[in-house]
PDB file of N, CA and C in Angstrom:
ATOM      1  N   MET A   1     110.763  -9.377  22.379  1.00  0.00           N
ATOM      2  CA  MET A   1     110.925 -10.813  22.262  1.00  0.00           C
ATOM      3  C   MET A   1     111.047 -11.384  23.678  1.00  0.00           C
ATOM      4  N   VAL A   2     110.211 -12.335  23.986  1.00  0.00           N
ATOM      5  CA  VAL A   2     110.234 -13.002  25.280  1.00  0.00           C
ATOM      6  C   VAL A   2     111.195 -14.180  25.197  1.00  0.00           C
ATOM      7  N   LEU A   3     112.150 -14.217  26.106  1.00  0.00           N
ATOM      8  CA  LEU A   3     113.124 -15.308  26.106  1.00  0.00           C
ATOM      9  C   LEU A   3     112.649 -16.433  27.025  1.00  0.00           C
ATOM     10  N   THR A   4     112.048 -17.431  26.412  1.00  0.00           N
ATOM     11  CA  THR A   4     111.630 -18.609  27.152  1.00  0.00           C
ATOM     12  C   THR A   4     112.784 -19.600  27.197  1.00  0.00           C
ATOM     13  N   LEU A   5     112.684 -20.592  28.054  1.00  0.00           N
ATOM     14  CA  LEU A   5     113.750 -21.586  28.165  1.00  0.00           C
ATOM     15  C   LEU A   5     114.015 -22.303  26.840  1.00  0.00           C
ATOM     16  N   PRO A   6     112.989 -22.775  26.119  1.00  0.00           N
ATOM     17  CA  PRO A   6     113.275 -23.422  24.826  1.00  0.00           C
ATOM     18  C   PRO A   6     113.977 -22.488  23.844  1.00  0.00           C
ATOM     19  N   ARG A   7     113.581 -21.222  23.833  1.00  0.00           N
ATOM     20  CA  ARG A   7     114.201 -20.256  22.918  1.00  0.00           C
ATOM     21  C   ARG A   7     115.669 -20.036  23.270  1.00  0.00           C
ATOM     22  N   ILE A   8     115.978 -19.921  24.557  1.00  0.00           N
ATOM     23  CA  ILE A   8     117.363 -19.746  25.001  1.00  0.00           C
ATOM     24  C   ILE A   8     118.185 -20.975  24.621  1.00  0.00           C
ATOM     25  N   LEU A   9     117.646 -22.163  24.864  1.00  0.00           N
ATOM     26  CA  LEU A   9     118.357 -23.397  24.529  1.00  0.00           C
ATOM     27  C   LEU A   9     118.594 -23.518  23.027  1.00  0.00           C
ATOM     28  N   LYS A  10     117.644 -23.068  22.228  1.00  0.00           N
ATOM     29  CA  LYS A  10     117.812 -23.105  20.768  1.00  0.00           C
ATOM     30  C   LYS A  10     118.892 -22.136  20.311  1.00  0.00           C
ATOM     31  N   PHE A  11     118.964 -20.954  20.926  1.00  0.00           N
ATOM     32  CA  PHE A  11     120.035 -20.014  20.589  1.00  0.00           C
ATOM     33  C   PHE A  11     121.396 -20.597  20.951  1.00  0.00           C
ATOM     34  N   ILE A  12     121.500 -21.208  22.134  1.00  0.00           N
ATOM     35  CA  ILE A  12     122.776 -21.785  22.564  1.00  0.00           C
ATOM     36  C   ILE A  12     123.184 -22.941  21.657  1.00  0.00           C
ATOM     37  N   SER A  13     122.241 -23.855  21.397  1.00  0.00           N
ATOM     38  CA  SER A  13     122.584 -25.010  20.563  1.00  0.00           C
ATOM     39  C   SER A  13     122.827 -24.593  19.118  1.00  0.00           C
ATOM     40  N   GLY A  14     122.114 -23.572  18.637  1.00  0.00           N
ATOM     41  CA  GLY A  14     122.358 -23.059  17.289  1.00  0.00           C
ATOM     42  C   GLY A  14     123.750 -22.460  17.158  1.00  0.00           C
ATOM     43  N   GLY A  15     124.190 -21.743  18.179  1.00  0.00           N
ATOM     44  CA  GLY A  15     125.541 -21.188  18.171  1.00  0.00           C
ATOM     45  C   GLY A  15     126.604 -22.270  18.211  1.00  0.00           C
ATOM     46  N   ALA A  16     126.374 -23.299  19.029  1.00  0.00           N
ATOM     47  CA  ALA A  16     127.322 -24.415  19.102  1.00  0.00           C
ATOM     48  C   ALA A  16     127.378 -25.165  17.775  1.00  0.00           C
ATOM     49  N   GLU A  17     126.235 -25.351  17.143  1.00  0.00           N
ATOM     50  CA  GLU A  17     126.196 -26.021  15.838  1.00  0.00           C
ATOM     51  C   GLU A  17     126.913 -25.179  14.784  1.00  0.00           C
ATOM     52  N   ALA A  18     126.754 -23.857  14.856  1.00  0.00           N
ATOM     53  CA  ALA A  18     127.451 -22.981  13.908  1.00  0.00           C
ATOM     54  C   ALA A  18     128.961 -23.131  14.074  1.00  0.00           C
ATOM     55  N   LEU A  19     129.427 -23.222  15.314  1.00  0.00           N
ATOM     56  CA  LEU A  19     130.852 -23.417  15.568  1.00  0.00           C
ATOM     57  C   LEU A  19     131.326 -24.742  14.985  1.00  0.00           C
ATOM     58  N   LEU A  20     130.550 -25.797  15.188  1.00  0.00           N
ATOM     59  CA  LEU A  20     130.932 -27.107  14.651  1.00  0.00           C
ATOM     60  C   LEU A  20     130.839 -27.161  13.127  1.00  0.00           C
ATOM     61  N   GLY A  21     130.082 -26.250  12.526  1.00  0.00           N
ATOM     62  CA  GLY A  21     129.941 -26.214  11.070  1.00  0.00           C
ATOM     63  C   GLY A  21     131.079 -25.509  10.362  1.00  0.00           C
ATOM     64  N   ILE A  22     131.929 -24.807  11.111  1.00  0.00           N
ATOM     65  CA  ILE A  22     133.080 -24.144  10.497  1.00  0.00           C
ATOM     66  C   ILE A  22     134.083 -25.231  10.110  1.00  0.00           C
ATOM     67  N   PRO A  23     134.487 -25.298   8.836  1.00  0.00           N
ATOM     68  CA  PRO A  23     135.256 -26.439   8.338  1.00  0.00           C
ATOM     69  C   PRO A  23     136.442 -26.904   9.190  1.00  0.00           C
ATOM     70  N   ILE A  24     137.438 -26.121   9.397  1.00  0.00           N
ATOM     71  CA  ILE A  24     138.628 -26.604  10.103  1.00  0.00           C
ATOM     72  C   ILE A  24     138.403 -26.628  11.611  1.00  0.00           C
ATOM     73  N   ILE A  25     137.742 -25.600  12.133  1.00  0.00           N
ATOM     74  CA  ILE A  25     137.525 -25.504  13.573  1.00  0.00           C
ATOM     75  C   ILE A  25     136.625 -26.638  14.073  1.00  0.00           C
ATOM     76  N   GLY A  26     135.491 -26.851  13.410  1.00  0.00           N
ATOM     77  CA  GLY A  26     134.567 -27.899  13.821  1.00  0.00           C
ATOM     78  C   GLY A  26     135.191 -29.280  13.750  1.00  0.00           C
ATOM     79  N   GLU A  27     135.908 -29.530  12.676  1.00  0.00           N
ATOM     80  CA  GLU A  27     136.555 -30.836  12.529  1.00  0.00           C
ATOM     81  C   GLU A  27     137.613 -31.047  13.608  1.00  0.00           C
ATOM     82  N   THR A  28     138.358 -30.009  13.926  1.00  0.00           N
ATOM     83  CA  THR A  28     139.370 -30.105  14.974  1.00  0.00           C
ATOM     84  C   THR A  28     138.733 -30.397  16.327  1.00  0.00           C
ATOM     85  N   ILE A  29     137.622 -29.734  16.620  1.00  0.00           N
ATOM     86  CA  ILE A  29     136.918 -29.974  17.887  1.00  0.00           C
ATOM     87  C   ILE A  29     136.432 -31.414  17.964  1.00  0.00           C
ATOM     88  N   VAL A  30     135.831 -31.910  16.895  1.00  0.00           N
ATOM     89  CA  VAL A  30     135.313 -33.283  16.886  1.00  0.00           C
ATOM     90  C   VAL A  30     136.451 -34.290  17.035  1.00  0.00           C
ATOM     91  N   ILE A  31     137.546 -34.074  16.327  1.00  0.00           N
ATOM     92  CA  ILE A  31     138.668 -35.022  16.378  1.00  0.00           C
ATOM     93  C   ILE A  31     139.349 -34.994  17.743  1.00  0.00           C
ATOM     94  N   THR A  32     139.608 -33.799  18.278  1.00  0.00           N
ATOM     95  CA  THR A  32     140.329 -33.719  19.552  1.00  0.00           C
ATOM     96  C   THR A  32     139.510 -34.214  20.732  1.00  0.00           C
ATOM     97  N   THR A  33     138.192 -34.171  20.626  1.00  0.00           N
ATOM     98  CA  THR A  33     137.356 -34.700  21.711  1.00  0.00           C
ATOM     99  C   THR A  33     136.975 -36.155  21.465  1.00  0.00           C
ATOM    100  N   ASN A  34     137.557 -36.745  20.416  1.00  0.00           N
ATOM    101  CA  ASN A  34     137.262 -38.128  20.066  1.00  0.00           C
ATOM    102  C   ASN A  34     135.751 -38.335  19.885  1.00  0.00           C
ATOM    103  N   SER A  35     135.117 -37.395  19.228  1.00  0.00           N
ATOM    104  CA  SER A  35     133.681 -37.363  18.949  1.00  0.00           C
ATOM    105  C   SER A  35     132.825 -37.208  20.201  1.00  0.00           C
ATOM    106  N   GLY A  36     133.433 -36.887  21.317  1.00  0.00           N
ATOM    107  CA  GLY A  36     132.679 -36.677  22.552  1.00  0.00           C
ATOM    108  C   GLY A  36     131.748 -35.485  22.468  1.00  0.00           C
ATOM    109  N   VAL A  37     132.163 -34.459  21.731  1.00  0.00           N
ATOM    110  CA  VAL A  37     131.323 -33.282  21.581  1.00  0.00           C
ATOM    111  C   VAL A  37     130.024 -33.630  20.853  1.00  0.00           C
ATOM    112  N   LEU A  38     130.068 -34.612  19.975  1.00  0.00           N
ATOM    113  CA  LEU A  38     128.854 -35.025  19.261  1.00  0.00           C
ATOM    114  C   LEU A  38     127.863 -35.679  20.207  1.00  0.00           C
ATOM    115  N   ILE A  39     128.365 -36.444  21.156  1.00  0.00           N
ATOM    116  CA  ILE A  39     127.496 -37.072  22.156  1.00  0.00           C
ATOM    117  C   ILE A  39     126.883 -36.001  23.058  1.00  0.00           C
ATOM    118  N   ILE A  40     127.717 -35.046  23.478  1.00  0.00           N
ATOM    119  CA  ILE A  40     127.225 -33.954  24.317  1.00  0.00           C
ATOM    120  C   ILE A  40     126.163 -33.147  23.589  1.00  0.00           C
ATOM    121  N   MET A  41     126.413 -32.845  22.309  1.00  0.00           N
ATOM    122  CA  MET A  41     125.435 -32.075  21.533  1.00  0.00           C
ATOM    123  C   MET A  41     124.150 -32.864  21.320  1.00  0.00           C
ATOM    124  N   PHE A  42     124.254 -34.172  21.107  1.00  0.00           N
ATOM    125  CA  PHE A  42     123.057 -34.987  20.947  1.00  0.00           C
ATOM    126  C   PHE A  42     122.204 -34.908  22.213  1.00  0.00           C
ATOM    127  N   ILE A  43     122.831 -35.033  23.369  1.00  0.00           N
ATOM    128  CA  ILE A  43     122.107 -34.966  24.637  1.00  0.00           C
ATOM    129  C   ILE A  43     121.496 -33.580  24.827  1.00  0.00           C
ATOM    130  N   PHE A  44     122.246 -32.532  24.478  1.00  0.00           N
ATOM    131  CA  PHE A  44     121.734 -31.166  24.591  1.00  0.00           C
ATOM    132  C   PHE A  44     120.523 -30.960  23.682  1.00  0.00           C
ATOM    133  N   HIS A  45     120.600 -31.483  22.454  1.00  0.00           N
ATOM    134  CA  HIS A  45     119.461 -31.372  21.530  1.00  0.00           C
ATOM    135  C   HIS A  45     118.270 -32.169  22.040  1.00  0.00           C
ATOM    136  N   LEU A  46     118.526 -33.317  22.626  1.00  0.00           N
ATOM    137  CA  LEU A  46     117.440 -34.130  23.184  1.00  0.00           C
ATOM    138  C   LEU A  46     116.754 -33.388  24.330  1.00  0.00           C
ATOM    139  N   MET A  47     117.535 -32.761  25.197  1.00  0.00           N
ATOM    140  CA  MET A  47     116.953 -31.972  26.296  1.00  0.00           C
ATOM    141  C   MET A  47     116.131 -30.809  25.748  1.00  0.00           C
ATOM    142  N   THR A  48     116.666 -30.123  24.748  1.00  0.00           N
ATOM    143  CA  THR A  48     115.948 -29.006  24.133  1.00  0.00           C
ATOM    144  C   THR A  48     114.660 -29.498  23.483  1.00  0.00           C
ATOM    145  N   PHE A  49     114.740 -30.640  22.820  1.00  0.00           N
ATOM    146  CA  PHE A  49     113.567 -31.244  22.188  1.00  0.00           C
ATOM    147  C   PHE A  49     112.470 -31.505  23.221  1.00  0.00           C
ATOM    148  N   LEU A  50     112.840 -32.140  24.331  1.00  0.00           N
ATOM    149  CA  LEU A  50     111.854 -32.497  25.360  1.00  0.00           C
ATOM    150  C   LEU A  50     111.244 -31.258  26.011  1.00  0.00           C
ATOM    151  N   ILE A  51     112.060 -30.260  26.302  1.00  0.00           N
ATOM    152  CA  ILE A  51     111.553 -29.039  26.926  1.00  0.00           C
ATOM    153  C   ILE A  51     110.647 -28.284  25.960  1.00  0.00           C
ATOM    154  N   ALA A  52     111.059 -28.164  24.697  1.00  0.00           N
ATOM    155  CA  ALA A  52     110.238 -27.460  23.703  1.00  0.00           C
ATOM    156  C   ALA A  52     108.917 -28.194  23.472  1.00  0.00           C
ATOM    157  N   ARG A  53     108.974 -29.517  23.420  1.00  0.00           N
ATOM    158  CA  ARG A  53     107.757 -30.299  23.217  1.00  0.00           C
ATOM    159  C   ARG A  53     106.796 -30.124  24.386  1.00  0.00           C
ATOM    160  N   ASN A  54     107.320 -30.125  25.602  1.00  0.00           N
ATOM    161  CA  ASN A  54     106.469 -29.976  26.782  1.00  0.00           C
ATOM    162  C   ASN A  54     105.831 -28.600  26.861  1.00  0.00           C
ATOM    163  N   GLU A  55     106.492 -27.601  26.294  1.00  0.00           N
ATOM    164  CA  GLU A  55     105.944 -26.246  26.298  1.00  0.00           C
ATOM    165  C   GLU A  55     105.188 -25.918  25.020  1.00  0.00           C
ATOM    166  N   GLY A  56     105.026 -26.896  24.144  1.00  0.00           N
ATOM    167  CA  GLY A  56     104.256 -26.704  22.922  1.00  0.00           C
ATOM    168  C   GLY A  56     104.987 -25.958  21.825  1.00  0.00           C
ATOM    169  N   GLY A  57     106.310 -25.897  21.898  1.00  0.00           N
ATOM    170  CA  GLY A  57     107.091 -25.192  20.886  1.00  0.00           C
ATOM    171  C   GLY A  57     107.504 -26.104  19.750  1.00  0.00           C
ATOM    172  N   SER A  58     108.187 -25.516  18.795  1.00  0.00           N
ATOM    173  CA  SER A  58     108.671 -26.266  17.639  1.00  0.00           C
ATOM    174  C   SER A  58     109.874 -27.122  18.034  1.00  0.00           C
ATOM    175  N   VAL A  59     109.896 -28.350  17.547  1.00  0.00           N
ATOM    176  CA  VAL A  59     110.980 -29.277  17.869  1.00  0.00           C
ATOM    177  C   VAL A  59     111.820 -29.625  16.641  1.00  0.00           C
ATOM    178  N   PHE A  60     111.508 -29.041  15.498  1.00  0.00           N
ATOM    179  CA  PHE A  60     112.184 -29.392  14.259  1.00  0.00           C
ATOM    180  C   PHE A  60     113.682 -29.131  14.327  1.00  0.00           C
ATOM    181  N   GLY A  61     114.071 -27.985  14.867  1.00  0.00           N
ATOM    182  CA  GLY A  61     115.486 -27.652  14.961  1.00  0.00           C
ATOM    183  C   GLY A  61     116.261 -28.648  15.801  1.00  0.00           C
ATOM    184  N   SER A  62     115.658 -29.084  16.888  1.00  0.00           N
ATOM    185  CA  SER A  62     116.315 -30.071  17.753  1.00  0.00           C
ATOM    186  C   SER A  62     116.456 -31.412  17.041  1.00  0.00           C
ATOM    187  N   LEU A  63     115.471 -31.781  16.253  1.00  0.00           N
ATOM    188  CA  LEU A  63     115.563 -33.028  15.486  1.00  0.00           C
ATOM    189  C   LEU A  63     116.693 -32.955  14.467  1.00  0.00           C
ATOM    190  N   VAL A  64     116.793 -31.820  13.771  1.00  0.00           N
ATOM    191  CA  VAL A  64     117.874 -31.643  12.804  1.00  0.00           C
ATOM    192  C   VAL A  64     119.223 -31.682  13.525  1.00  0.00           C
ATOM    193  N   GLY A  65     119.288 -31.090  14.716  1.00  0.00           N
ATOM    194  CA  GLY A  65     120.511 -31.112  15.500  1.00  0.00           C
ATOM    195  C   GLY A  65     120.910 -32.513  15.924  1.00  0.00           C
ATOM    196  N   MET A  66     119.934 -33.337  16.303  1.00  0.00           N
ATOM    197  CA  MET A  66     120.240 -34.721  16.684  1.00  0.00           C
ATOM    198  C   MET A  66     120.783 -35.501  15.491  1.00  0.00           C
ATOM    199  N   VAL A  67     120.185 -35.286  14.323  1.00  0.00           N
ATOM    200  CA  VAL A  67     120.680 -35.946  13.111  1.00  0.00           C
ATOM    201  C   VAL A  67     122.095 -35.460  12.798  1.00  0.00           C
ATOM    202  N   ALA A  68     122.340 -34.162  12.975  1.00  0.00           N
ATOM    203  CA  ALA A  68     123.681 -33.613  12.728  1.00  0.00           C
ATOM    204  C   ALA A  68     124.701 -34.236  13.671  1.00  0.00           C
ATOM    205  N   SER A  69     124.308 -34.495  14.903  1.00  0.00           N
ATOM    206  CA  SER A  69     125.229 -35.115  15.860  1.00  0.00           C
ATOM    207  C   SER A  69     125.565 -36.545  15.468  1.00  0.00           C
ATOM    208  N   ILE A  70     124.617 -37.235  14.879  1.00  0.00           N
ATOM    209  CA  ILE A  70     124.854 -38.614  14.443  1.00  0.00           C
ATOM    210  C   ILE A  70     125.705 -38.630  13.178  1.00  0.00           C
ATOM    211  N   VAL A  71     125.378 -37.761  12.229  1.00  0.00           N
ATOM    212  CA  VAL A  71     126.087 -37.713  10.953  1.00  0.00           C
ATOM    213  C   VAL A  71     127.448 -37.018  11.102  1.00  0.00           C
ATOM    214  N   GLY A  72     127.660 -36.335  12.215  1.00  0.00           N
ATOM    215  CA  GLY A  72     128.861 -35.541  12.429  1.00  0.00           C
ATOM    216  C   GLY A  72     130.163 -36.309  12.390  1.00  0.00           C
ATOM    217  N   VAL A  73     130.126 -37.622  12.493  1.00  0.00           N
ATOM    218  CA  VAL A  73     131.365 -38.404  12.440  1.00  0.00           C
ATOM    219  C   VAL A  73     131.936 -38.445  11.024  1.00  0.00           C
ATOM    220  N   PHE A  74     131.139 -38.131  10.035  1.00  0.00           N
ATOM    221  CA  PHE A  74     131.604 -38.063   8.651  1.00  0.00           C
ATOM    222  C   PHE A  74     131.911 -36.607   8.329  1.00  0.00           C
ATOM    223  N   ALA A  75     133.145 -36.319   7.980  1.00  0.00           N
ATOM    224  CA  ALA A  75     133.654 -34.946   7.899  1.00  0.00           C
ATOM    225  C   ALA A  75     132.770 -34.013   7.068  1.00  0.00           C
ATOM    226  N   PHE A  76     132.639 -34.226   5.784  1.00  0.00           N
ATOM    227  CA  PHE A  76     131.942 -33.274   4.924  1.00  0.00           C
ATOM    228  C   PHE A  76     130.434 -33.270   5.182  1.00  0.00           C
ATOM    229  N   ALA A  77     129.840 -34.444   5.269  1.00  0.00           N
ATOM    230  CA  ALA A  77     128.396 -34.527   5.526  1.00  0.00           C
ATOM    231  C   ALA A  77     128.064 -33.942   6.892  1.00  0.00           C
ATOM    232  N   GLY A  78     128.918 -34.195   7.869  1.00  0.00           N
ATOM    233  CA  GLY A  78     128.705 -33.653   9.210  1.00  0.00           C
ATOM    234  C   GLY A  78     128.757 -32.137   9.210  1.00  0.00           C
ATOM    235  N   MET A  79     129.720 -31.562   8.479  1.00  0.00           N
ATOM    236  CA  MET A  79     129.849 -30.109   8.393  1.00  0.00           C
ATOM    237  C   MET A  79     128.575 -29.500   7.807  1.00  0.00           C
ATOM    238  N   LEU A  80     128.071 -30.090   6.735  1.00  0.00           N
ATOM    239  CA  LEU A  80     126.836 -29.580   6.116  1.00  0.00           C
ATOM    240  C   LEU A  80     125.643 -29.701   7.056  1.00  0.00           C
ATOM    241  N   MET A  81     125.574 -30.819   7.763  1.00  0.00           N
ATOM    242  CA  MET A  81     124.467 -31.010   8.702  1.00  0.00           C
ATOM    243  C   MET A  81     124.558 -30.038   9.876  1.00  0.00           C
ATOM    244  N   HIS A  82     125.765 -29.765  10.362  1.00  0.00           N
ATOM    245  CA  HIS A  82     125.925 -28.802  11.454  1.00  0.00           C
ATOM    246  C   HIS A  82     125.512 -27.407  10.995  1.00  0.00           C
ATOM    247  N   MET A  83     125.865 -27.053   9.758  1.00  0.00           N
ATOM    248  CA  MET A  83     125.451 -25.752   9.219  1.00  0.00           C
ATOM    249  C   MET A  83     123.932 -25.676   9.097  1.00  0.00           C
ATOM    250  N   ALA A  84     123.327 -26.744   8.596  1.00  0.00           N
ATOM    251  CA  ALA A  84     121.873 -26.769   8.450  1.00  0.00           C
ATOM    252  C   ALA A  84     121.187 -26.693   9.818  1.00  0.00           C
ATOM    253  N   ALA A  85     121.712 -27.443  10.778  1.00  0.00           N
ATOM    254  CA  ALA A  85     121.131 -27.427  12.124  1.00  0.00           C
ATOM    255  C   ALA A  85     121.250 -26.041  12.744  1.00  0.00           C
ATOM    256  N   ALA A  86     122.404 -25.395  12.568  1.00  0.00           N
ATOM    257  CA  ALA A  86     122.591 -24.050  13.113  1.00  0.00           C
ATOM    258  C   ALA A  86     121.578 -23.089  12.508  1.00  0.00           C
ATOM    259  N   LEU A  87     121.412 -23.153  11.207  1.00  0.00           N
ATOM    260  CA  LEU A  87     120.469 -22.267  10.527  1.00  0.00           C
ATOM    261  C   LEU A  87     119.048 -22.493  11.022  1.00  0.00           C
ATOM    262  N   VAL A  88     118.621 -23.742  11.065  1.00  0.00           N
ATOM    263  CA  VAL A  88     117.256 -24.056  11.489  1.00  0.00           C
ATOM    264  C   VAL A  88     117.035 -23.644  12.941  1.00  0.00           C
ATOM    265  N   LEU A  89     117.984 -23.956  13.818  1.00  0.00           N
ATOM    266  CA  LEU A  89     117.827 -23.624  15.238  1.00  0.00           C
ATOM    267  C   LEU A  89     117.789 -22.124  15.463  1.00  0.00           C
ATOM    268  N   LEU A  90     118.681 -21.377  14.831  1.00  0.00           N
ATOM    269  CA  LEU A  90     118.727 -19.934  15.045  1.00  0.00           C
ATOM    270  C   LEU A  90     117.502 -19.229  14.452  1.00  0.00           C
ATOM    271  N   VAL A  91     117.057 -19.677  13.298  1.00  0.00           N
ATOM    272  CA  VAL A  91     115.838 -19.097  12.716  1.00  0.00           C
ATOM    273  C   VAL A  91     114.639 -19.453  13.580  1.00  0.00           C
ATOM    274  N   ASN A  92     114.582 -20.707  14.016  1.00  0.00           N
ATOM    275  CA  ASN A  92     113.477 -21.158  14.855  1.00  0.00           C
ATOM    276  C   ASN A  92     113.437 -20.403  16.186  1.00  0.00           C
ATOM    277  N   ALA A  93     114.593 -20.134  16.755  1.00  0.00           N
ATOM    278  CA  ALA A  93     114.642 -19.397  18.015  1.00  0.00           C
ATOM    279  C   ALA A  93     114.260 -17.932  17.827  1.00  0.00           C
ATOM    280  N   SER A  94     114.477 -17.402  16.635  1.00  0.00           N
ATOM    281  CA  SER A  94     114.189 -15.992  16.357  1.00  0.00           C
ATOM    282  C   SER A  94     112.725 -15.740  16.044  1.00  0.00           C
ATOM    283  N   ILE A  95     112.042 -16.748  15.545  1.00  0.00           N
ATOM    284  CA  ILE A  95     110.647 -16.593  15.135  1.00  0.00           C
ATOM    285  C   ILE A  95     109.742 -16.689  16.349  1.00  0.00           C
ATOM    286  N   ARG A  96     108.803 -15.796  16.420  1.00  0.00           N
ATOM    287  CA  ARG A  96     107.837 -15.793  17.526  1.00  0.00           C
ATOM    288  C   ARG A  96     106.853 -16.932  17.326  1.00  0.00           C
ATOM    289  N   GLU A  97     106.720 -17.745  18.349  1.00  0.00           N
ATOM    290  CA  GLU A  97     105.767 -18.856  18.275  1.00  0.00           C
ATOM    291  C   GLU A  97     104.450 -18.447  18.892  1.00  0.00           C
ATOM    292  N   THR A  98     103.368 -18.955  18.335  1.00  0.00           N
ATOM    293  CA  THR A  98     102.047 -18.628  18.861  1.00  0.00           C
ATOM    294  C   THR A  98     101.585 -19.647  19.845  1.00  0.00           C
TER     295      THR A  98
END
């Protein structure tokens, strides 16, 4: 498996999304940072999106991550979106792109 920059960024953002998707831990992180972590994650997903797009890679995971960052202010819906984003990003990073 060749580790390209978009793939590395997807693994990192997928791991961060998985952490935010854990019910009590993710909610505590969002509350204690006054939702600042959601802004940081949105920017990180946007950077990953732009880099992946420029290299011709898949951007779907980054889009799901950006939506998760926006919806993340709502506890239950945000948790589900973070879990979905983590799954999509990690699977997308694991799959070999042509």
